[in-house]
Amino acid sequence: MEKIRYEMNENVVIINENHEREDGIELTFKIKNDAAIKRLHEVRNFFERDKVYTDVLFYTLEDKKFQIIVRDDSYAVLLAALFRWQLVKKLEWID
């Protein structure tokens, strides 16, 4: 997996990661406002339009929480999409 670090936009989302899954990385999102929910739906739509159906899986939970399971090889693409829709505010490669 590429070494990449991100800074979440804490005004709109809190992201927790679990790297202990065998099938990828689990991210849990706590969304703070309705505009951010719409942005996360745009991220979901982006991945639903591609031809790989198992790269990123989205699950809606209660209380403005969402779970995303992403394959290791799609992690950087997911972070780039989150950056594009301003759910993370900084991405950088780690040496």
N, C-alpha and C. Protein backbone atom coordinates (compact mmCIF):
# COMPACT_ATOMS: atom_id res chain seq x y z
N MET A 1 0.85 -1.18 0.00
CA MET A 1 0.00 0.00 0.00
C MET A 1 0.89 1.24 0.00
N GLU A 2 0.49 2.24 -0.77
CA GLU A 2 1.23 3.49 -0.80
C GLU A 2 1.18 4.15 0.56
N LYS A 3 2.23 4.88 0.87
CA LYS A 3 2.27 5.63 2.12
C LYS A 3 1.71 7.02 1.83
N ILE A 4 0.54 7.28 2.32
CA ILE A 4 -0.12 8.56 2.10
C ILE A 4 -0.76 8.99 3.41
N ARG A 5 -0.67 10.28 3.66
CA ARG A 5 -1.25 10.83 4.88
C ARG A 5 -2.27 11.89 4.47
N TYR A 6 -3.33 12.00 5.24
CA TYR A 6 -4.34 13.01 4.95
C TYR A 6 -4.70 13.75 6.23
N GLU A 7 -5.26 14.92 6.02
CA GLU A 7 -5.79 15.70 7.14
C GLU A 7 -7.28 15.89 6.87
N MET A 8 -8.10 15.39 7.78
CA MET A 8 -9.54 15.50 7.57
C MET A 8 -10.00 16.92 7.80
N ASN A 9 -11.10 17.26 7.19
CA ASN A 9 -11.73 18.56 7.41
C ASN A 9 -12.64 18.40 8.62
N GLU A 10 -12.12 18.65 9.81
CA GLU A 10 -12.83 18.37 11.05
C GLU A 10 -14.08 19.22 11.25
N ASN A 11 -14.25 20.26 10.44
CA ASN A 11 -15.48 21.04 10.50
C ASN A 11 -16.66 20.29 9.92
N VAL A 12 -16.37 19.29 9.09
CA VAL A 12 -17.45 18.58 8.41
C VAL A 12 -17.47 17.08 8.67
N VAL A 13 -16.33 16.48 9.05
CA VAL A 13 -16.30 15.02 9.20
C VAL A 13 -15.20 14.60 10.17
N ILE A 14 -15.48 13.53 10.89
CA ILE A 14 -14.47 12.84 11.70
C ILE A 14 -14.31 11.45 11.08
N ILE A 15 -13.08 11.06 10.80
CA ILE A 15 -12.80 9.78 10.14
C ILE A 15 -11.96 8.93 11.08
N ASN A 16 -12.40 7.69 11.28
CA ASN A 16 -11.63 6.70 12.04
C ASN A 16 -11.31 5.54 11.11
N GLU A 17 -10.09 5.03 11.20
CA GLU A 17 -9.65 3.94 10.34
C GLU A 17 -9.36 2.68 11.14
N ASN A 18 -9.64 1.54 10.51
CA ASN A 18 -9.30 0.24 11.06
C ASN A 18 -8.54 -0.52 9.97
N HIS A 19 -7.26 -0.79 10.22
CA HIS A 19 -6.41 -1.47 9.23
C HIS A 19 -6.28 -2.96 9.54
N GLU A 20 -7.10 -3.49 10.41
CA GLU A 20 -6.97 -4.89 10.83
C GLU A 20 -7.82 -5.86 10.01
N ARG A 21 -8.54 -5.37 9.03
CA ARG A 21 -9.34 -6.25 8.17
C ARG A 21 -8.44 -6.95 7.17
N GLU A 22 -8.79 -8.17 6.83
CA GLU A 22 -8.05 -8.91 5.81
C GLU A 22 -8.41 -8.46 4.40
N ASP A 23 -9.62 -7.94 4.24
CA ASP A 23 -10.11 -7.59 2.91
C ASP A 23 -9.95 -6.11 2.58
N GLY A 24 -9.22 -5.36 3.38
CA GLY A 24 -9.01 -3.95 3.08
C GLY A 24 -8.99 -3.10 4.34
N ILE A 25 -9.31 -1.84 4.15
CA ILE A 25 -9.30 -0.86 5.23
C ILE A 25 -10.73 -0.41 5.48
N GLU A 26 -11.10 -0.33 6.74
CA GLU A 26 -12.43 0.12 7.12
C GLU A 26 -12.33 1.55 7.65
N LEU A 27 -13.14 2.44 7.09
CA LEU A 27 -13.20 3.81 7.55
C LEU A 27 -14.61 4.09 8.05
N THR A 28 -14.71 4.73 9.20
CA THR A 28 -16.00 5.14 9.75
C THR A 28 -16.04 6.66 9.75
N PHE A 29 -17.11 7.20 9.19
CA PHE A 29 -17.27 8.64 9.05
C PHE A 29 -18.40 9.11 9.96
N LYS A 30 -18.16 10.16 10.70
CA LYS A 30 -19.21 10.87 11.45
C LYS A 30 -19.35 12.23 10.78
N ILE A 31 -20.46 12.41 10.08
CA ILE A 31 -20.69 13.62 9.29
C ILE A 31 -21.34 14.68 10.18
N LYS A 32 -20.87 15.92 10.06
CA LYS A 32 -21.34 16.98 10.94
C LYS A 32 -22.43 17.87 10.35
N ASN A 33 -22.65 17.80 9.04
CA ASN A 33 -23.70 18.65 8.46
C ASN A 33 -24.24 18.01 7.18
N ASP A 34 -25.39 18.49 6.75
CA ASP A 34 -26.06 17.91 5.59
C ASP A 34 -25.29 18.14 4.29
N ALA A 35 -24.58 19.25 4.19
CA ALA A 35 -23.79 19.50 2.98
C ALA A 35 -22.70 18.45 2.82
N ALA A 36 -22.11 18.04 3.93
CA ALA A 36 -21.07 17.00 3.87
C ALA A 36 -21.66 15.65 3.50
N ILE A 37 -22.88 15.38 3.93
CA ILE A 37 -23.54 14.13 3.52
C ILE A 37 -23.70 14.11 2.00
N LYS A 38 -24.10 15.23 1.43
CA LYS A 38 -24.24 15.31 -0.03
C LYS A 38 -22.90 15.08 -0.72
N ARG A 39 -21.83 15.61 -0.15
CA ARG A 39 -20.50 15.41 -0.73
C ARG A 39 -20.08 13.94 -0.66
N LEU A 40 -20.39 13.30 0.47
CA LEU A 40 -20.05 11.87 0.59
C LEU A 40 -20.87 11.05 -0.41
N HIS A 41 -22.09 11.46 -0.68
CA HIS A 41 -22.90 10.77 -1.69
C HIS A 41 -22.28 10.95 -3.08
N GLU A 42 -21.66 12.11 -3.33
CA GLU A 42 -20.96 12.31 -4.60
C GLU A 42 -19.77 11.35 -4.72
N VAL A 43 -19.07 11.15 -3.61
CA VAL A 43 -17.96 10.18 -3.61
C VAL A 43 -18.50 8.79 -3.91
N ARG A 44 -19.60 8.43 -3.26
CA ARG A 44 -20.22 7.11 -3.51
C ARG A 44 -20.61 6.97 -4.98
N ASN A 45 -21.23 8.00 -5.54
CA ASN A 45 -21.64 7.95 -6.94
C ASN A 45 -20.44 7.80 -7.86
N PHE A 46 -19.34 8.45 -7.53
CA PHE A 46 -18.11 8.34 -8.32
C PHE A 46 -17.67 6.88 -8.41
N PHE A 47 -17.68 6.18 -7.29
CA PHE A 47 -17.23 4.78 -7.29
C PHE A 47 -18.28 3.84 -7.86
N GLU A 48 -19.54 4.18 -7.76
CA GLU A 48 -20.58 3.32 -8.34
C GLU A 48 -20.55 3.37 -9.86
N ARG A 49 -20.01 4.43 -10.43
CA ARG A 49 -19.95 4.56 -11.89
C ARG A 49 -18.78 3.80 -12.51
N ASP A 50 -17.79 3.41 -11.70
CA ASP A 50 -16.68 2.68 -12.29
C ASP A 50 -17.06 1.21 -12.50
N LYS A 51 -16.20 0.49 -13.17
CA LYS A 51 -16.53 -0.89 -13.54
C LYS A 51 -16.13 -1.91 -12.49
N VAL A 52 -15.43 -1.48 -11.44
CA VAL A 52 -15.00 -2.39 -10.38
C VAL A 52 -15.95 -2.20 -9.21
N TYR A 53 -16.77 -3.20 -8.94
CA TYR A 53 -17.82 -3.06 -7.93
C TYR A 53 -17.35 -3.37 -6.52
N THR A 54 -16.17 -3.94 -6.37
CA THR A 54 -15.72 -4.34 -5.04
C THR A 54 -14.55 -3.50 -4.53
N ASP A 55 -14.22 -2.40 -5.23
CA ASP A 55 -13.08 -1.60 -4.79
C ASP A 55 -13.39 -0.79 -3.54
N VAL A 56 -14.58 -0.21 -3.48
CA VAL A 56 -15.01 0.60 -2.34
C VAL A 56 -16.47 0.27 -2.06
N LEU A 57 -16.75 -0.14 -0.83
CA LEU A 57 -18.12 -0.48 -0.42
C LEU A 57 -18.60 0.53 0.61
N PHE A 58 -19.81 1.06 0.42
CA PHE A 58 -20.37 2.08 1.30
C PHE A 58 -21.55 1.50 2.07
N TYR A 59 -21.62 1.82 3.36
CA TYR A 59 -22.72 1.40 4.21
C TYR A 59 -23.20 2.61 5.01
N THR A 60 -24.50 2.82 5.03
CA THR A 60 -25.09 3.90 5.80
C THR A 60 -25.47 3.37 7.17
N LEU A 61 -25.03 4.05 8.21
CA LEU A 61 -25.34 3.70 9.58
C LEU A 61 -26.28 4.76 10.15
N GLU A 62 -26.56 4.70 11.42
CA GLU A 62 -27.46 5.70 12.02
C GLU A 62 -26.66 6.91 12.51
N ASP A 63 -27.38 7.98 12.81
CA ASP A 63 -26.81 9.20 13.39
C ASP A 63 -25.72 9.83 12.53
N LYS A 64 -25.97 9.95 11.24
CA LYS A 64 -25.04 10.58 10.29
C LYS A 64 -23.67 9.90 10.28
N LYS A 65 -23.69 8.58 10.44
CA LYS A 65 -22.45 7.80 10.36
C LYS A 65 -22.48 6.93 9.12
N PHE A 66 -21.31 6.74 8.55
CA PHE A 66 -21.15 5.92 7.36
C PHE A 66 -19.92 5.05 7.54
N GLN A 67 -19.96 3.87 6.95
CA GLN A 67 -18.82 2.96 6.96
C GLN A 67 -18.41 2.73 5.51
N ILE A 68 -17.12 2.81 5.28
CA ILE A 68 -16.57 2.52 3.96
C ILE A 68 -15.50 1.45 4.13
N ILE A 69 -15.58 0.42 3.31
CA ILE A 69 -14.54 -0.60 3.26
C ILE A 69 -13.89 -0.47 1.89
N VAL A 70 -12.59 -0.25 1.90
CA VAL A 70 -11.86 -0.02 0.66
C VAL A 70 -10.72 -1.03 0.55
N ARG A 71 -10.57 -1.58 -0.65
CA ARG A 71 -9.43 -2.47 -0.89
C ARG A 71 -8.13 -1.67 -0.78
N ASP A 72 -7.08 -2.34 -0.36
CA ASP A 72 -5.79 -1.67 -0.20
C ASP A 72 -5.35 -0.94 -1.47
N ASP A 73 -5.58 -1.57 -2.62
CA ASP A 73 -5.13 -0.97 -3.88
C ASP A 73 -6.00 0.19 -4.35
N SER A 74 -7.10 0.47 -3.66
CA SER A 74 -7.97 1.59 -4.01
C SER A 74 -7.96 2.69 -2.95
N TYR A 75 -7.15 2.52 -1.92
CA TYR A 75 -7.13 3.46 -0.80
C TYR A 75 -6.75 4.88 -1.25
N ALA A 76 -5.69 5.02 -2.04
CA ALA A 76 -5.26 6.34 -2.51
C ALA A 76 -6.31 6.98 -3.40
N VAL A 77 -6.99 6.19 -4.21
CA VAL A 77 -8.05 6.72 -5.07
C VAL A 77 -9.21 7.23 -4.23
N LEU A 78 -9.57 6.49 -3.18
CA LEU A 78 -10.62 6.96 -2.27
C LEU A 78 -10.23 8.27 -1.62
N LEU A 79 -9.00 8.36 -1.11
CA LEU A 79 -8.56 9.60 -0.47
C LEU A 79 -8.58 10.77 -1.45
N ALA A 80 -8.19 10.52 -2.70
CA ALA A 80 -8.23 11.58 -3.71
C ALA A 80 -9.67 12.04 -3.96
N ALA A 81 -10.60 11.11 -3.96
CA ALA A 81 -12.01 11.47 -4.14
C ALA A 81 -12.52 12.26 -2.93
N LEU A 82 -12.14 11.86 -1.74
CA LEU A 82 -12.53 12.61 -0.54
C LEU A 82 -11.95 14.02 -0.57
N PHE A 83 -10.73 14.15 -1.10
CA PHE A 83 -10.12 15.46 -1.25
C PHE A 83 -10.87 16.29 -2.30
N ARG A 84 -11.20 15.67 -3.40
CA ARG A 84 -11.92 16.37 -4.48
C ARG A 84 -13.22 16.97 -3.97
N TRP A 85 -13.93 16.23 -3.13
CA TRP A 85 -15.21 16.71 -2.60
C TRP A 85 -15.06 17.35 -1.21
N GLN A 86 -13.84 17.74 -0.87
CA GLN A 86 -13.51 18.55 0.30
C GLN A 86 -13.91 17.93 1.63
N LEU A 87 -13.84 16.62 1.72
CA LEU A 87 -14.04 15.94 2.99
C LEU A 87 -12.70 15.74 3.71
N VAL A 88 -11.62 15.74 2.97
CA VAL A 88 -10.29 15.88 3.55
C VAL A 88 -9.68 17.13 2.95
N LYS A 89 -8.85 17.81 3.73
CA LYS A 89 -8.33 19.09 3.25
C LYS A 89 -6.86 19.05 2.86
N LYS A 90 -6.20 17.92 3.09
CA LYS A 90 -4.79 17.84 2.75
C LYS A 90 -4.42 16.38 2.48
N LEU A 91 -3.65 16.16 1.42
CA LEU A 91 -3.08 14.85 1.10
C LEU A 91 -1.59 15.03 0.88
N GLU A 92 -0.79 14.08 1.36
CA GLU A 92 0.63 14.13 1.08
C GLU A 92 1.22 12.73 1.09
N TRP A 93 2.22 12.53 0.23
CA TRP A 93 2.95 11.28 0.19
C TRP A 93 3.99 11.29 1.29
N ILE A 94 4.20 10.14 1.91
CA ILE A 94 5.19 10.00 2.97
C ILE A 94 6.38 9.25 2.39
N ASP A 95 7.58 9.76 2.61
CA ASP A 95 8.80 9.10 2.12
C ASP A 95 9.14 7.88 2.92
